[in-house]
Amino acid sequence: MDRNDLIENTMLKISQLPDFKIREINDFADFLLQKIDDQILQEGIHELTSKSKVFSYLNEEEDLYSVNDLKERYK
């Protein structure tokens, strides 16, 4: 089933539902769209920060502590 057939089939089913169920579907669709928007925003922020040179000095900084500095190890 292609996208248009799936949309038509879904719309047909939705049209047969009572109003309160249609509102639930609308709320769920809003939730899904918001989730997609949040993911796009998060990926954009990740891309910007990964390409940023703001924290590049951390790559050149030597480690202050090593495993030998641990007093107790997790078992």
PDB file of N, CA and C in Angstrom:
ATOM      1  N   MET A   1       0.858  -1.172   0.000  1.00  0.00           N
ATOM      2  CA  MET A   1       0.000   0.000   0.000  1.00  0.00           C
ATOM      3  C   MET A   1       0.908   1.240   0.000  1.00  0.00           C
ATOM      4  N   ASP A   2       0.683   2.132  -0.935  1.00  0.00           N
ATOM      5  CA  ASP A   2       1.510   3.336  -0.981  1.00  0.00           C
ATOM      6  C   ASP A   2       0.952   4.411  -0.044  1.00  0.00           C
ATOM      7  N   ARG A   3       1.659   5.502   0.043  1.00  0.00           N
ATOM      8  CA  ARG A   3       1.333   6.571   0.996  1.00  0.00           C
ATOM      9  C   ARG A   3      -0.084   7.107   0.802  1.00  0.00           C
ATOM     10  N   ASN A   4      -0.458   7.405  -0.443  1.00  0.00           N
ATOM     11  CA  ASN A   4      -1.783   7.985  -0.699  1.00  0.00           C
ATOM     12  C   ASN A   4      -2.896   7.012  -0.344  1.00  0.00           C
ATOM     13  N   ASP A   5      -2.710   5.742  -0.658  1.00  0.00           N
ATOM     14  CA  ASP A   5      -3.720   4.734  -0.293  1.00  0.00           C
ATOM     15  C   ASP A   5      -3.837   4.617   1.223  1.00  0.00           C
ATOM     16  N   LEU A   6      -2.707   4.650   1.888  1.00  0.00           N
ATOM     17  CA  LEU A   6      -2.708   4.561   3.348  1.00  0.00           C
ATOM     18  C   LEU A   6      -3.420   5.760   3.974  1.00  0.00           C
ATOM     19  N   ILE A   7      -3.160   6.942   3.432  1.00  0.00           N
ATOM     20  CA  ILE A   7      -3.838   8.156   3.934  1.00  0.00           C
ATOM     21  C   ILE A   7      -5.337   8.069   3.699  1.00  0.00           C
ATOM     22  N   GLU A   8      -5.740   7.650   2.506  1.00  0.00           N
ATOM     23  CA  GLU A   8      -7.171   7.526   2.202  1.00  0.00           C
ATOM     24  C   GLU A   8      -7.838   6.497   3.118  1.00  0.00           C
ATOM     25  N   ASN A   9      -7.179   5.375   3.307  1.00  0.00           N
ATOM     26  CA  ASN A   9      -7.713   4.323   4.161  1.00  0.00           C
ATOM     27  C   ASN A   9      -7.858   4.826   5.600  1.00  0.00           C
ATOM     28  N   THR A  10      -6.857   5.540   6.076  1.00  0.00           N
ATOM     29  CA  THR A  10      -6.896   6.084   7.433  1.00  0.00           C
ATOM     30  C   THR A  10      -8.003   7.126   7.571  1.00  0.00           C
ATOM     31  N   MET A  11      -8.142   7.994   6.587  1.00  0.00           N
ATOM     32  CA  MET A  11      -9.194   9.021   6.632  1.00  0.00           C
ATOM     33  C   MET A  11     -10.582   8.388   6.636  1.00  0.00           C
ATOM     34  N   LEU A  12     -10.750   7.318   5.878  1.00  0.00           N
ATOM     35  CA  LEU A  12     -12.033   6.615   5.855  1.00  0.00           C
ATOM     36  C   LEU A  12     -12.363   6.047   7.238  1.00  0.00           C
ATOM     37  N   LYS A  13     -11.367   5.446   7.863  1.00  0.00           N
ATOM     38  CA  LYS A  13     -11.576   4.900   9.203  1.00  0.00           C
ATOM     39  C   LYS A  13     -11.850   6.009  10.215  1.00  0.00           C
ATOM     40  N   ILE A  14     -11.114   7.100  10.126  1.00  0.00           N
ATOM     41  CA  ILE A  14     -11.309   8.222  11.061  1.00  0.00           C
ATOM     42  C   ILE A  14     -12.713   8.794  10.917  1.00  0.00           C
ATOM     43  N   SER A  15     -13.187   8.898   9.692  1.00  0.00           N
ATOM     44  CA  SER A  15     -14.524   9.482   9.466  1.00  0.00           C
ATOM     45  C   SER A  15     -15.637   8.642  10.092  1.00  0.00           C
ATOM     46  N   GLN A  16     -15.358   7.383  10.393  1.00  0.00           N
ATOM     47  CA  GLN A  16     -16.362   6.515  10.995  1.00  0.00           C
ATOM     48  C   GLN A  16     -16.342   6.554  12.525  1.00  0.00           C
ATOM     49  N   LEU A  17     -15.371   7.237  13.086  1.00  0.00           N
ATOM     50  CA  LEU A  17     -15.224   7.277  14.546  1.00  0.00           C
ATOM     51  C   LEU A  17     -16.074   8.392  15.161  1.00  0.00           C
ATOM     52  N   PRO A  18     -16.412   8.248  16.464  1.00  0.00           N
ATOM     53  CA  PRO A  18     -17.105   9.332  17.166  1.00  0.00           C
ATOM     54  C   PRO A  18     -16.145  10.512  17.391  1.00  0.00           C
ATOM     55  N   ASP A  19     -16.729  11.667  17.671  1.00  0.00           N
ATOM     56  CA  ASP A  19     -15.951  12.911  17.789  1.00  0.00           C
ATOM     57  C   ASP A  19     -14.833  12.823  18.824  1.00  0.00           C
ATOM     58  N   PHE A  20     -15.100  12.226  19.986  1.00  0.00           N
ATOM     59  CA  PHE A  20     -14.067  12.206  21.024  1.00  0.00           C
ATOM     60  C   PHE A  20     -12.861  11.359  20.604  1.00  0.00           C
ATOM     61  N   LYS A  21     -13.079  10.326  19.783  1.00  0.00           N
ATOM     62  CA  LYS A  21     -11.962   9.525  19.275  1.00  0.00           C
ATOM     63  C   LYS A  21     -11.184  10.290  18.202  1.00  0.00           C
ATOM     64  N   ILE A  22     -11.881  11.084  17.431  1.00  0.00           N
ATOM     65  CA  ILE A  22     -11.215  11.912  16.422  1.00  0.00           C
ATOM     66  C   ILE A  22     -10.308  12.919  17.111  1.00  0.00           C
ATOM     67  N   ARG A  23     -10.765  13.475  18.233  1.00  0.00           N
ATOM     68  CA  ARG A  23      -9.918  14.398  19.006  1.00  0.00           C
ATOM     69  C   ARG A  23      -8.678  13.682  19.526  1.00  0.00           C
ATOM     70  N   GLU A  24      -8.828  12.444  19.980  1.00  0.00           N
ATOM     71  CA  GLU A  24      -7.676  11.672  20.443  1.00  0.00           C
ATOM     72  C   GLU A  24      -6.668  11.456  19.315  1.00  0.00           C
ATOM     73  N   ILE A  25      -7.171  11.128  18.142  1.00  0.00           N
ATOM     74  CA  ILE A  25      -6.280  10.935  16.996  1.00  0.00           C
ATOM     75  C   ILE A  25      -5.579  12.233  16.648  1.00  0.00           C
ATOM     76  N   ASN A  26      -6.306  13.334  16.708  1.00  0.00           N
ATOM     77  CA  ASN A  26      -5.706  14.645  16.430  1.00  0.00           C
ATOM     78  C   ASN A  26      -4.618  14.967  17.455  1.00  0.00           C
ATOM     79  N   ASP A  27      -4.884  14.702  18.726  1.00  0.00           N
ATOM     80  CA  ASP A  27      -3.877  14.932  19.764  1.00  0.00           C
ATOM     81  C   ASP A  27      -2.649  14.054  19.545  1.00  0.00           C
ATOM     82  N   PHE A  28      -2.881  12.804  19.152  1.00  0.00           N
ATOM     83  CA  PHE A  28      -1.762  11.896  18.912  1.00  0.00           C
ATOM     84  C   PHE A  28      -0.941  12.358  17.711  1.00  0.00           C
ATOM     85  N   ALA A  29      -1.617  12.829  16.669  1.00  0.00           N
ATOM     86  CA  ALA A  29      -0.896  13.344  15.499  1.00  0.00           C
ATOM     87  C   ALA A  29      -0.060  14.566  15.886  1.00  0.00           C
ATOM     88  N   ASP A  30      -0.622  15.441  16.727  1.00  0.00           N
ATOM     89  CA  ASP A  30       0.150  16.592  17.220  1.00  0.00           C
ATOM     90  C   ASP A  30       1.376  16.129  17.993  1.00  0.00           C
ATOM     91  N   PHE A  31       1.202  15.105  18.821  1.00  0.00           N
ATOM     92  CA  PHE A  31       2.308  14.552  19.592  1.00  0.00           C
ATOM     93  C   PHE A  31       3.406  14.017  18.673  1.00  0.00           C
ATOM     94  N   LEU A  32       3.015  13.260  17.657  1.00  0.00           N
ATOM     95  CA  LEU A  32       3.997  12.703  16.719  1.00  0.00           C
ATOM     96  C   LEU A  32       4.744  13.799  15.964  1.00  0.00           C
ATOM     97  N   LEU A  33       4.019  14.821  15.528  1.00  0.00           N
ATOM     98  CA  LEU A  33       4.664  15.931  14.816  1.00  0.00           C
ATOM     99  C   LEU A  33       5.632  16.679  15.728  1.00  0.00           C
ATOM    100  N   GLN A  34       5.256  16.880  16.976  1.00  0.00           N
ATOM    101  CA  GLN A  34       6.133  17.546  17.933  1.00  0.00           C
ATOM    102  C   GLN A  34       7.379  16.714  18.189  1.00  0.00           C
ATOM    103  N   LYS A  35       7.205  15.412  18.264  1.00  0.00           N
ATOM    104  CA  LYS A  35       8.336  14.507  18.475  1.00  0.00           C
ATOM    105  C   LYS A  35       9.318  14.590  17.304  1.00  0.00           C
ATOM    106  N   ILE A  36       8.793  14.651  16.093  1.00  0.00           N
ATOM    107  CA  ILE A  36       9.644  14.782  14.902  1.00  0.00           C
ATOM    108  C   ILE A  36      10.366  16.122  14.921  1.00  0.00           C
ATOM    109  N   ASP A  37       9.654  17.194  15.251  1.00  0.00           N
ATOM    110  CA  ASP A  37      10.271  18.522  15.333  1.00  0.00           C
ATOM    111  C   ASP A  37      11.385  18.551  16.374  1.00  0.00           C
ATOM    112  N   ASP A  38      11.134  17.934  17.528  1.00  0.00           N
ATOM    113  CA  ASP A  38      12.149  17.889  18.587  1.00  0.00           C
ATOM    114  C   ASP A  38      13.388  17.130  18.131  1.00  0.00           C
ATOM    115  N   GLN A  39      13.174  16.025  17.410  1.00  0.00           N
ATOM    116  CA  GLN A  39      14.299  15.230  16.926  1.00  0.00           C
ATOM    117  C   GLN A  39      15.119  16.023  15.908  1.00  0.00           C
ATOM    118  N   ILE A  40      14.448  16.721  15.000  1.00  0.00           N
ATOM    119  CA  ILE A  40      15.143  17.543  14.014  1.00  0.00           C
ATOM    120  C   ILE A  40      15.934  18.640  14.711  1.00  0.00           C
ATOM    121  N   LEU A  41      15.337  19.269  15.701  1.00  0.00           N
ATOM    122  CA  LEU A  41      16.015  20.318  16.451  1.00  0.00           C
ATOM    123  C   LEU A  41      17.220  19.767  17.195  1.00  0.00           C
ATOM    124  N   GLN A  42      17.061  18.621  17.833  1.00  0.00           N
ATOM    125  CA  GLN A  42      18.158  18.007  18.581  1.00  0.00           C
ATOM    126  C   GLN A  42      19.307  17.626  17.649  1.00  0.00           C
ATOM    127  N   GLU A  43      18.987  17.069  16.493  1.00  0.00           N
ATOM    128  CA  GLU A  43      20.029  16.706  15.530  1.00  0.00           C
ATOM    129  C   GLU A  43      20.747  17.954  15.015  1.00  0.00           C
ATOM    130  N   GLY A  44      20.001  19.034  14.801  1.00  0.00           N
ATOM    131  CA  GLY A  44      20.611  20.283  14.355  1.00  0.00           C
ATOM    132  C   GLY A  44      21.557  20.851  15.399  1.00  0.00           C
ATOM    133  N   ILE A  45      21.143  20.819  16.653  1.00  0.00           N
ATOM    134  CA  ILE A  45      21.995  21.306  17.737  1.00  0.00           C
ATOM    135  C   ILE A  45      23.243  20.444  17.847  1.00  0.00           C
ATOM    136  N   HIS A  46      23.073  19.129  17.731  1.00  0.00           N
ATOM    137  CA  HIS A  46      24.226  18.227  17.804  1.00  0.00           C
ATOM    138  C   HIS A  46      25.209  18.518  16.680  1.00  0.00           C
ATOM    139  N   GLU A  47      24.690  18.747  15.488  1.00  0.00           N
ATOM    140  CA  GLU A  47      25.565  19.041  14.346  1.00  0.00           C
ATOM    141  C   GLU A  47      26.309  20.351  14.551  1.00  0.00           C
ATOM    142  N   LEU A  48      25.601  21.366  15.030  1.00  0.00           N
ATOM    143  CA  LEU A  48      26.245  22.657  15.271  1.00  0.00           C
ATOM    144  C   LEU A  48      27.331  22.564  16.328  1.00  0.00           C
ATOM    145  N   THR A  49      27.037  21.864  17.414  1.00  0.00           N
ATOM    146  CA  THR A  49      28.028  21.770  18.485  1.00  0.00           C
ATOM    147  C   THR A  49      29.206  20.893  18.101  1.00  0.00           C
ATOM    148  N   SER A  50      28.960  19.863  17.298  1.00  0.00           N
ATOM    149  CA  SER A  50      30.072  18.985  16.911  1.00  0.00           C
ATOM    150  C   SER A  50      31.017  19.692  15.946  1.00  0.00           C
ATOM    151  N   LYS A  51      30.509  20.623  15.157  1.00  0.00           N
ATOM    152  CA  LYS A  51      31.355  21.361  14.210  1.00  0.00           C
ATOM    153  C   LYS A  51      31.967  22.607  14.845  1.00  0.00           C
ATOM    154  N   SER A  52      31.480  22.977  16.015  1.00  0.00           N
ATOM    155  CA  SER A  52      31.956  24.185  16.681  1.00  0.00           C
ATOM    156  C   SER A  52      33.361  23.973  17.225  1.00  0.00           C
ATOM    157  N   LYS A  53      34.130  25.021  17.241  1.00  0.00           N
ATOM    158  CA  LYS A  53      35.489  24.951  17.756  1.00  0.00           C
ATOM    159  C   LYS A  53      35.578  25.533  19.169  1.00  0.00           C
ATOM    160  N   VAL A  54      34.435  25.814  19.765  1.00  0.00           N
ATOM    161  CA  VAL A  54      34.398  26.413  21.090  1.00  0.00           C
ATOM    162  C   VAL A  54      35.098  25.542  22.130  1.00  0.00           C
ATOM    163  N   PHE A  55      34.891  24.240  22.053  1.00  0.00           N
ATOM    164  CA  PHE A  55      35.466  23.337  23.040  1.00  0.00           C
ATOM    165  C   PHE A  55      36.670  22.564  22.489  1.00  0.00           C
ATOM    166  N   SER A  56      37.234  23.023  21.407  1.00  0.00           N
ATOM    167  CA  SER A  56      38.354  22.294  20.801  1.00  0.00           C
ATOM    168  C   SER A  56      39.566  22.240  21.726  1.00  0.00           C
ATOM    169  N   TYR A  57      39.681  23.194  22.640  1.00  0.00           N
ATOM    170  CA  TYR A  57      40.803  23.183  23.576  1.00  0.00           C
ATOM    171  C   TYR A  57      40.782  21.937  24.466  1.00  0.00           C
ATOM    172  N   LEU A  58      39.620  21.342  24.646  1.00  0.00           N
ATOM    173  CA  LEU A  58      39.521  20.142  25.480  1.00  0.00           C
ATOM    174  C   LEU A  58      40.226  18.949  24.830  1.00  0.00           C
ATOM    175  N   ASN A  59      40.306  18.944  23.517  1.00  0.00           N
ATOM    176  CA  ASN A  59      40.986  17.845  22.828  1.00  0.00           C
ATOM    177  C   ASN A  59      42.484  17.893  23.060  1.00  0.00           C
ATOM    178  N   GLU A  60      43.012  19.059  23.298  1.00  0.00           N
ATOM    179  CA  GLU A  60      44.448  19.230  23.460  1.00  0.00           C
ATOM    180  C   GLU A  60      44.871  19.185  24.930  1.00  0.00           C
ATOM    181  N   GLU A  61      43.925  19.252  25.829  1.00  0.00           N
ATOM    182  CA  GLU A  61      44.224  19.280  27.252  1.00  0.00           C
ATOM    183  C   GLU A  61      44.579  17.879  27.744  1.00  0.00           C
ATOM    184  N   GLU A  62      45.627  17.798  28.540  1.00  0.00           N
ATOM    185  CA  GLU A  62      46.024  16.494  29.053  1.00  0.00           C
ATOM    186  C   GLU A  62      45.073  16.055  30.160  1.00  0.00           C
ATOM    187  N   ASP A  63      44.965  14.750  30.338  1.00  0.00           N
ATOM    188  CA  ASP A  63      44.091  14.206  31.371  1.00  0.00           C
ATOM    189  C   ASP A  63      44.679  14.495  32.753  1.00  0.00           C
ATOM    190  N   LEU A  64      43.840  14.960  33.650  1.00  0.00           N
ATOM    191  CA  LEU A  64      44.293  15.270  35.003  1.00  0.00           C
ATOM    192  C   LEU A  64      44.385  14.024  35.869  1.00  0.00           C
ATOM    193  N   TYR A  65      43.538  13.041  35.572  1.00  0.00           N
ATOM    194  CA  TYR A  65      43.485  11.841  36.399  1.00  0.00           C
ATOM    195  C   TYR A  65      43.584  10.615  35.507  1.00  0.00           C
ATOM    196  N   SER A  66      44.048   9.540  36.095  1.00  0.00           N
ATOM    197  CA  SER A  66      44.102   8.267  35.385  1.00  0.00           C
ATOM    198  C   SER A  66      43.479   7.193  36.262  1.00  0.00           C
ATOM    199  N   VAL A  67      43.461   5.993  35.775  1.00  0.00           N
ATOM    200  CA  VAL A  67      42.901   4.873  36.530  1.00  0.00           C
ATOM    201  C   VAL A  67      43.700   4.654  37.808  1.00  0.00           C
ATOM    202  N   ASN A  68      44.967   4.954  37.780  1.00  0.00           N
ATOM    203  CA  ASN A  68      45.815   4.772  38.958  1.00  0.00           C
ATOM    204  C   ASN A  68      45.421   5.690  40.120  1.00  0.00           C
ATOM    205  N   ASP A  69      44.710   6.767  39.826  1.00  0.00           N
ATOM    206  CA  ASP A  69      44.293   7.703  40.864  1.00  0.00           C
ATOM    207  C   ASP A  69      43.054   7.227  41.630  1.00  0.00           C
ATOM    208  N   LEU A  70      42.415   6.176  41.151  1.00  0.00           N
ATOM    209  CA  LEU A  70      41.215   5.679  41.807  1.00  0.00           C
ATOM    210  C   LEU A  70      41.543   5.045  43.144  1.00  0.00           C
ATOM    211  N   LYS A  71      40.741   5.344  44.135  1.00  0.00           N
ATOM    212  CA  LYS A  71      40.923   4.737  45.458  1.00  0.00           C
ATOM    213  C   LYS A  71      40.138   3.425  45.529  1.00  0.00           C
ATOM    214  N   GLU A  72      39.043   3.373  44.798  1.00  0.00           N
ATOM    215  CA  GLU A  72      38.194   2.186  44.822  1.00  0.00           C
ATOM    216  C   GLU A  72      37.661   1.939  43.425  1.00  0.00           C
ATOM    217  N   ARG A  73      37.616   0.720  43.001  1.00  0.00           N
ATOM    218  CA  ARG A  73      37.100   0.371  41.680  1.00  0.00           C
ATOM    219  C   ARG A  73      35.730  -0.286  41.812  1.00  0.00           C
ATOM    220  N   TYR A  74      34.911  -0.005  40.843  1.00  0.00           N
ATOM    221  CA  TYR A  74      33.586  -0.635  40.802  1.00  0.00           C
ATOM    222  C   TYR A  74      33.751  -2.100  40.447  1.00  0.00           C
ATOM    223  N   LYS A  75      33.058  -2.958  41.187  1.00  0.00           N
ATOM    224  CA  LYS A  75      33.173  -4.406  40.942  1.00  0.00           C
ATOM    225  C   LYS A  75      31.907  -4.960  40.376  1.00  0.00           C
TER     226      LYS A  75
END
